[in-house]
Amino acid sequence: MIGWLVLAAAVVAMYRIADAEGKSGVLWAGLTFVICLAMAFLMPNWPIVNVALGGVVSFLVMFVYKIVTND
């Protein structure tokens, strides 16, 4: 149950960050949701850590995207 709350927090945080930077918040929130679910399936033995790592990975993806596009 706590994992779902962490997932929702990561999705909402990424939506707000993307929206504040002028990007599509829905796109980045959806990407975060997919990444978090993928991490949950790839690391099933770590209940909350897997989703939290998914949130961190999505933030890193956005960071790398901003560096590559010089935005």
PDB file of N, CA and C in Angstrom:
ATOM      1  N   MET A   1       0.815  -1.198   0.000  1.00  0.00           N
ATOM      2  CA  MET A   1       0.000   0.000   0.000  1.00  0.00           C
ATOM      3  C   MET A   1       0.857   1.260   0.000  1.00  0.00           C
ATOM      4  N   ILE A   2       1.920   1.243   0.776  1.00  0.00           N
ATOM      5  CA  ILE A   2       2.786   2.412   0.839  1.00  0.00           C
ATOM      6  C   ILE A   2       3.489   2.613  -0.503  1.00  0.00           C
ATOM      7  N   GLY A   3       3.775   1.525  -1.188  1.00  0.00           N
ATOM      8  CA  GLY A   3       4.392   1.622  -2.510  1.00  0.00           C
ATOM      9  C   GLY A   3       3.533   2.398  -3.489  1.00  0.00           C
ATOM     10  N   TRP A   4       2.211   2.221  -3.426  1.00  0.00           N
ATOM     11  CA  TRP A   4       1.311   2.968  -4.303  1.00  0.00           C
ATOM     12  C   TRP A   4       1.326   4.449  -3.963  1.00  0.00           C
ATOM     13  N   LEU A   5       1.455   4.766  -2.673  1.00  0.00           N
ATOM     14  CA  LEU A   5       1.542   6.176  -2.270  1.00  0.00           C
ATOM     15  C   LEU A   5       2.844   6.804  -2.768  1.00  0.00           C
ATOM     16  N   VAL A   6       3.933   6.049  -2.695  1.00  0.00           N
ATOM     17  CA  VAL A   6       5.219   6.537  -3.210  1.00  0.00           C
ATOM     18  C   VAL A   6       5.129   6.725  -4.724  1.00  0.00           C
ATOM     19  N   LEU A   7       4.491   5.799  -5.421  1.00  0.00           N
ATOM     20  CA  LEU A   7       4.312   5.912  -6.862  1.00  0.00           C
ATOM     21  C   LEU A   7       3.501   7.152  -7.210  1.00  0.00           C
ATOM     22  N   ALA A   8       2.410   7.376  -6.500  1.00  0.00           N
ATOM     23  CA  ALA A   8       1.578   8.558  -6.754  1.00  0.00           C
ATOM     24  C   ALA A   8       2.351   9.845  -6.473  1.00  0.00           C
ATOM     25  N   ALA A   9       3.145   9.851  -5.415  1.00  0.00           N
ATOM     26  CA  ALA A   9       3.946  11.033  -5.097  1.00  0.00           C
ATOM     27  C   ALA A   9       4.971  11.316  -6.190  1.00  0.00           C
ATOM     28  N   ALA A  10       5.594  10.275  -6.718  1.00  0.00           N
ATOM     29  CA  ALA A  10       6.579  10.453  -7.787  1.00  0.00           C
ATOM     30  C   ALA A  10       5.913  10.977  -9.060  1.00  0.00           C
ATOM     31  N   VAL A  11       4.745  10.455  -9.377  1.00  0.00           N
ATOM     32  CA  VAL A  11       4.028  10.887 -10.582  1.00  0.00           C
ATOM     33  C   VAL A  11       3.592  12.350 -10.453  1.00  0.00           C
ATOM     34  N   VAL A  12       3.044  12.709  -9.304  1.00  0.00           N
ATOM     35  CA  VAL A  12       2.598  14.092  -9.098  1.00  0.00           C
ATOM     36  C   VAL A  12       3.786  15.049  -9.096  1.00  0.00           C
ATOM     37  N   ALA A  13       4.882  14.646  -8.459  1.00  0.00           N
ATOM     38  CA  ALA A  13       6.073  15.503  -8.430  1.00  0.00           C
ATOM     39  C   ALA A  13       6.619  15.711  -9.834  1.00  0.00           C
ATOM     40  N   MET A  14       6.684  14.657 -10.634  1.00  0.00           N
ATOM     41  CA  MET A  14       7.201  14.799 -11.992  1.00  0.00           C
ATOM     42  C   MET A  14       6.259  15.638 -12.843  1.00  0.00           C
ATOM     43  N   TYR A  15       4.960  15.502 -12.643  1.00  0.00           N
ATOM     44  CA  TYR A  15       3.999  16.333 -13.372  1.00  0.00           C
ATOM     45  C   TYR A  15       4.224  17.806 -13.066  1.00  0.00           C
ATOM     46  N   ARG A  16       4.375  18.122 -11.796  1.00  0.00           N
ATOM     47  CA  ARG A  16       4.557  19.524 -11.407  1.00  0.00           C
ATOM     48  C   ARG A  16       5.886  20.085 -11.886  1.00  0.00           C
ATOM     49  N   ILE A  17       6.938  19.289 -11.825  1.00  0.00           N
ATOM     50  CA  ILE A  17       8.249  19.750 -12.295  1.00  0.00           C
ATOM     51  C   ILE A  17       8.209  19.989 -13.804  1.00  0.00           C
ATOM     52  N   ALA A  18       7.652  19.060 -14.548  1.00  0.00           N
ATOM     53  CA  ALA A  18       7.578  19.211 -16.003  1.00  0.00           C
ATOM     54  C   ALA A  18       6.701  20.401 -16.378  1.00  0.00           C
ATOM     55  N   ASP A  19       5.599  20.579 -15.674  1.00  0.00           N
ATOM     56  CA  ASP A  19       4.700  21.695 -15.957  1.00  0.00           C
ATOM     57  C   ASP A  19       5.380  23.033 -15.652  1.00  0.00           C
ATOM     58  N   ALA A  20       6.154  23.090 -14.585  1.00  0.00           N
ATOM     59  CA  ALA A  20       6.854  24.318 -14.220  1.00  0.00           C
ATOM     60  C   ALA A  20       7.949  24.668 -15.231  1.00  0.00           C
ATOM     61  N   GLU A  21       8.499  23.667 -15.897  1.00  0.00           N
ATOM     62  CA  GLU A  21       9.556  23.904 -16.874  1.00  0.00           C
ATOM     63  C   GLU A  21       9.025  24.043 -18.298  1.00  0.00           C
ATOM     64  N   GLY A  22       7.720  24.083 -18.452  1.00  0.00           N
ATOM     65  CA  GLY A  22       7.135  24.285 -19.766  1.00  0.00           C
ATOM     66  C   GLY A  22       7.034  23.033 -20.613  1.00  0.00           C
ATOM     67  N   LYS A  23       7.221  21.875 -20.023  1.00  0.00           N
ATOM     68  CA  LYS A  23       7.109  20.600 -20.745  1.00  0.00           C
ATOM     69  C   LYS A  23       5.700  20.039 -20.540  1.00  0.00           C
ATOM     70  N   SER A  24       5.399  18.966 -21.239  1.00  0.00           N
ATOM     71  CA  SER A  24       4.108  18.301 -21.088  1.00  0.00           C
ATOM     72  C   SER A  24       4.102  17.509 -19.781  1.00  0.00           C
ATOM     73  N   GLY A  25       3.340  17.997 -18.826  1.00  0.00           N
ATOM     74  CA  GLY A  25       3.273  17.329 -17.533  1.00  0.00           C
ATOM     75  C   GLY A  25       2.658  15.948 -17.614  1.00  0.00           C
ATOM     76  N   VAL A  26       1.646  15.807 -18.462  1.00  0.00           N
ATOM     77  CA  VAL A  26       0.968  14.512 -18.596  1.00  0.00           C
ATOM     78  C   VAL A  26       1.915  13.476 -19.200  1.00  0.00           C
ATOM     79  N   LEU A  27       2.705  13.893 -20.189  1.00  0.00           N
ATOM     80  CA  LEU A  27       3.659  12.971 -20.812  1.00  0.00           C
ATOM     81  C   LEU A  27       4.692  12.494 -19.796  1.00  0.00           C
ATOM     82  N   TRP A  28       5.273  13.416 -19.036  1.00  0.00           N
ATOM     83  CA  TRP A  28       6.300  13.038 -18.070  1.00  0.00           C
ATOM     84  C   TRP A  28       5.708  12.270 -16.889  1.00  0.00           C
ATOM     85  N   ALA A  29       4.476  12.583 -16.506  1.00  0.00           N
ATOM     86  CA  ALA A  29       3.826  11.815 -15.436  1.00  0.00           C
ATOM     87  C   ALA A  29       3.546  10.389 -15.898  1.00  0.00           C
ATOM     88  N   GLY A  30       3.090  10.234 -17.136  1.00  0.00           N
ATOM     89  CA  GLY A  30       2.859   8.896 -17.683  1.00  0.00           C
ATOM     90  C   GLY A  30       4.146   8.104 -17.797  1.00  0.00           C
ATOM     91  N   LEU A  31       5.209   8.771 -18.233  1.00  0.00           N
ATOM     92  CA  LEU A  31       6.512   8.111 -18.328  1.00  0.00           C
ATOM     93  C   LEU A  31       6.999   7.670 -16.947  1.00  0.00           C
ATOM     94  N   THR A  32       6.797   8.517 -15.958  1.00  0.00           N
ATOM     95  CA  THR A  32       7.180   8.166 -14.585  1.00  0.00           C
ATOM     96  C   THR A  32       6.387   6.967 -14.086  1.00  0.00           C
ATOM     97  N   PHE A  33       5.095   6.944 -14.379  1.00  0.00           N
ATOM     98  CA  PHE A  33       4.253   5.820 -13.966  1.00  0.00           C
ATOM     99  C   PHE A  33       4.740   4.517 -14.581  1.00  0.00           C
ATOM    100  N   VAL A  34       5.059   4.554 -15.872  1.00  0.00           N
ATOM    101  CA  VAL A  34       5.533   3.346 -16.559  1.00  0.00           C
ATOM    102  C   VAL A  34       6.880   2.900 -16.003  1.00  0.00           C
ATOM    103  N   ILE A  35       7.787   3.851 -15.773  1.00  0.00           N
ATOM    104  CA  ILE A  35       9.100   3.500 -15.227  1.00  0.00           C
ATOM    105  C   ILE A  35       8.959   2.902 -13.836  1.00  0.00           C
ATOM    106  N   CYS A  36       8.105   3.487 -12.999  1.00  0.00           N
ATOM    107  CA  CYS A  36       7.916   2.965 -11.637  1.00  0.00           C
ATOM    108  C   CYS A  36       7.312   1.564 -11.658  1.00  0.00           C
ATOM    109  N   LEU A  37       6.351   1.335 -12.536  1.00  0.00           N
ATOM    110  CA  LEU A  37       5.773  -0.010 -12.634  1.00  0.00           C
ATOM    111  C   LEU A  37       6.794  -1.016 -13.153  1.00  0.00           C
ATOM    112  N   ALA A  38       7.617  -0.601 -14.118  1.00  0.00           N
ATOM    113  CA  ALA A  38       8.656  -1.491 -14.622  1.00  0.00           C
ATOM    114  C   ALA A  38       9.641  -1.846 -13.518  1.00  0.00           C
ATOM    115  N   MET A  39      10.023  -0.876 -12.711  1.00  0.00           N
ATOM    116  CA  MET A  39      10.938  -1.149 -11.603  1.00  0.00           C
ATOM    117  C   MET A  39      10.279  -2.072 -10.577  1.00  0.00           C
ATOM    118  N   ALA A  40       8.974  -1.916 -10.368  1.00  0.00           N
ATOM    119  CA  ALA A  40       8.269  -2.779  -9.423  1.00  0.00           C
ATOM    120  C   ALA A  40       8.267  -4.232  -9.904  1.00  0.00           C
ATOM    121  N   PHE A  41       8.161  -4.431 -11.217  1.00  0.00           N
ATOM    122  CA  PHE A  41       8.179  -5.790 -11.745  1.00  0.00           C
ATOM    123  C   PHE A  41       9.598  -6.357 -11.835  1.00  0.00           C
ATOM    124  N   LEU A  42      10.567  -5.490 -12.056  1.00  0.00           N
ATOM    125  CA  LEU A  42      11.948  -5.965 -12.165  1.00  0.00           C
ATOM    126  C   LEU A  42      12.580  -6.277 -10.813  1.00  0.00           C
ATOM    127  N   MET A  43      12.136  -5.600  -9.769  1.00  0.00           N
ATOM    128  CA  MET A  43      12.694  -5.805  -8.426  1.00  0.00           C
ATOM    129  C   MET A  43      11.558  -6.091  -7.439  1.00  0.00           C
ATOM    130  N   PRO A  44      10.931  -7.254  -7.533  1.00  0.00           N
ATOM    131  CA  PRO A  44       9.743  -7.506  -6.704  1.00  0.00           C
ATOM    132  C   PRO A  44      10.039  -7.731  -5.218  1.00  0.00           C
ATOM    133  N   ASN A  45      11.283  -7.989  -4.852  1.00  0.00           N
ATOM    134  CA  ASN A  45      11.587  -8.305  -3.450  1.00  0.00           C
ATOM    135  C   ASN A  45      11.828  -7.063  -2.596  1.00  0.00           C
ATOM    136  N   TRP A  46      11.898  -5.897  -3.205  1.00  0.00           N
ATOM    137  CA  TRP A  46      12.117  -4.653  -2.456  1.00  0.00           C
ATOM    138  C   TRP A  46      10.874  -3.793  -2.588  1.00  0.00           C
ATOM    139  N   PRO A  47       9.945  -3.891  -1.660  1.00  0.00           N
ATOM    140  CA  PRO A  47       8.610  -3.320  -1.838  1.00  0.00           C
ATOM    141  C   PRO A  47       8.548  -1.806  -2.102  1.00  0.00           C
ATOM    142  N   ILE A  48       9.198  -0.986  -1.321  1.00  0.00           N
ATOM    143  CA  ILE A  48       9.081   0.456  -1.504  1.00  0.00           C
ATOM    144  C   ILE A  48      10.279   0.997  -2.281  1.00  0.00           C
ATOM    145  N   VAL A  49      11.413   0.365  -2.122  1.00  0.00           N
ATOM    146  CA  VAL A  49      12.636   0.832  -2.762  1.00  0.00           C
ATOM    147  C   VAL A  49      12.509   0.791  -4.280  1.00  0.00           C
ATOM    148  N   ASN A  50      11.842  -0.223  -4.816  1.00  0.00           N
ATOM    149  CA  ASN A  50      11.732  -0.347  -6.271  1.00  0.00           C
ATOM    150  C   ASN A  50      10.977   0.827  -6.888  1.00  0.00           C
ATOM    151  N   VAL A  51       9.895   1.249  -6.266  1.00  0.00           N
ATOM    152  CA  VAL A  51       9.117   2.361  -6.799  1.00  0.00           C
ATOM    153  C   VAL A  51       9.862   3.679  -6.587  1.00  0.00           C
ATOM    154  N   ALA A  52      10.518   3.819  -5.448  1.00  0.00           N
ATOM    155  CA  ALA A  52      11.302   5.025  -5.200  1.00  0.00           C
ATOM    156  C   ALA A  52      12.439   5.142  -6.214  1.00  0.00           C
ATOM    157  N   LEU A  53      13.095   4.019  -6.526  1.00  0.00           N
ATOM    158  CA  LEU A  53      14.133   4.038  -7.558  1.00  0.00           C
ATOM    159  C   LEU A  53      13.556   4.385  -8.929  1.00  0.00           C
ATOM    160  N   GLY A  54      12.349   3.950  -9.184  1.00  0.00           N
ATOM    161  CA  GLY A  54      11.681   4.330 -10.434  1.00  0.00           C
ATOM    162  C   GLY A  54      11.479   5.828 -10.524  1.00  0.00           C
ATOM    163  N   GLY A  55      11.113   6.454  -9.417  1.00  0.00           N
ATOM    164  CA  GLY A  55      10.983   7.908  -9.390  1.00  0.00           C
ATOM    165  C   GLY A  55      12.304   8.601  -9.627  1.00  0.00           C
ATOM    166  N   VAL A  56      13.361   8.092  -9.006  1.00  0.00           N
ATOM    167  CA  VAL A  56      14.696   8.664  -9.200  1.00  0.00           C
ATOM    168  C   VAL A  56      15.138   8.501 -10.645  1.00  0.00           C
ATOM    169  N   VAL A  57      14.886   7.339 -11.230  1.00  0.00           N
ATOM    170  CA  VAL A  57      15.263   7.103 -12.628  1.00  0.00           C
ATOM    171  C   VAL A  57      14.517   8.058 -13.558  1.00  0.00           C
ATOM    172  N   SER A  58      13.253   8.316 -13.289  1.00  0.00           N
ATOM    173  CA  SER A  58      12.509   9.235 -14.155  1.00  0.00           C
ATOM    174  C   SER A  58      13.041  10.659 -14.034  1.00  0.00           C
ATOM    175  N   PHE A  59      13.446  11.073 -12.831  1.00  0.00           N
ATOM    176  CA  PHE A  59      14.055  12.391 -12.684  1.00  0.00           C
ATOM    177  C   PHE A  59      15.377  12.453 -13.441  1.00  0.00           C
ATOM    178  N   LEU A  60      16.154  11.370 -13.401  1.00  0.00           N
ATOM    179  CA  LEU A  60      17.411  11.327 -14.143  1.00  0.00           C
ATOM    180  C   LEU A  60      17.169  11.372 -15.651  1.00  0.00           C
ATOM    181  N   VAL A  61      16.116  10.701 -16.114  1.00  0.00           N
ATOM    182  CA  VAL A  61      15.783  10.736 -17.535  1.00  0.00           C
ATOM    183  C   VAL A  61      15.447  12.160 -17.961  1.00  0.00           C
ATOM    184  N   MET A  62      14.695  12.873 -17.136  1.00  0.00           N
ATOM    185  CA  MET A  62      14.366  14.256 -17.479  1.00  0.00           C
ATOM    186  C   MET A  62      15.620  15.134 -17.460  1.00  0.00           C
ATOM    187  N   PHE A  63      16.503  14.907 -16.516  1.00  0.00           N
ATOM    188  CA  PHE A  63      17.746  15.662 -16.419  1.00  0.00           C
ATOM    189  C   PHE A  63      18.601  15.446 -17.661  1.00  0.00           C
ATOM    190  N   VAL A  64      18.750  14.198 -18.074  1.00  0.00           N
ATOM    191  CA  VAL A  64      19.533  13.882 -19.271  1.00  0.00           C
ATOM    192  C   VAL A  64      18.858  14.465 -20.511  1.00  0.00           C
ATOM    193  N   TYR A  65      17.553  14.406 -20.575  1.00  0.00           N
ATOM    194  CA  TYR A  65      16.823  14.980 -21.708  1.00  0.00           C
ATOM    195  C   TYR A  65      17.077  16.480 -21.820  1.00  0.00           C
ATOM    196  N   LYS A  66      17.070  17.164 -20.685  1.00  0.00           N
ATOM    197  CA  LYS A  66      17.307  18.601 -20.698  1.00  0.00           C
ATOM    198  C   LYS A  66      18.744  18.925 -21.113  1.00  0.00           C
ATOM    199  N   ILE A  67      19.697  18.098 -20.740  1.00  0.00           N
ATOM    200  CA  ILE A  67      21.079  18.324 -21.142  1.00  0.00           C
ATOM    201  C   ILE A  67      21.247  18.087 -22.633  1.00  0.00           C
ATOM    202  N   VAL A  68      20.657  17.015 -23.146  1.00  0.00           N
ATOM    203  CA  VAL A  68      20.819  16.662 -24.551  1.00  0.00           C
ATOM    204  C   VAL A  68      20.156  17.697 -25.463  1.00  0.00           C
ATOM    205  N   THR A  69      18.983  18.191 -25.065  1.00  0.00           N
ATOM    206  CA  THR A  69      18.261  19.137 -25.916  1.00  0.00           C
ATOM    207  C   THR A  69      18.654  20.586 -25.656  1.00  0.00           C
ATOM    208  N   ASN A  70      19.531  20.850 -24.699  1.00  0.00           N
ATOM    209  CA  ASN A  70      19.935  22.213 -24.332  1.00  0.00           C
ATOM    210  C   ASN A  70      18.748  23.104 -24.039  1.00  0.00           C
ATOM    211  N   ASP A  71      17.809  22.571 -23.308  1.00  0.00           N
ATOM    212  CA  ASP A  71      16.583  23.325 -23.010  1.00  0.00           C
ATOM    213  C   ASP A  71      16.612  23.879 -21.614  1.00  0.00           C
TER     214      ASP A  71
END
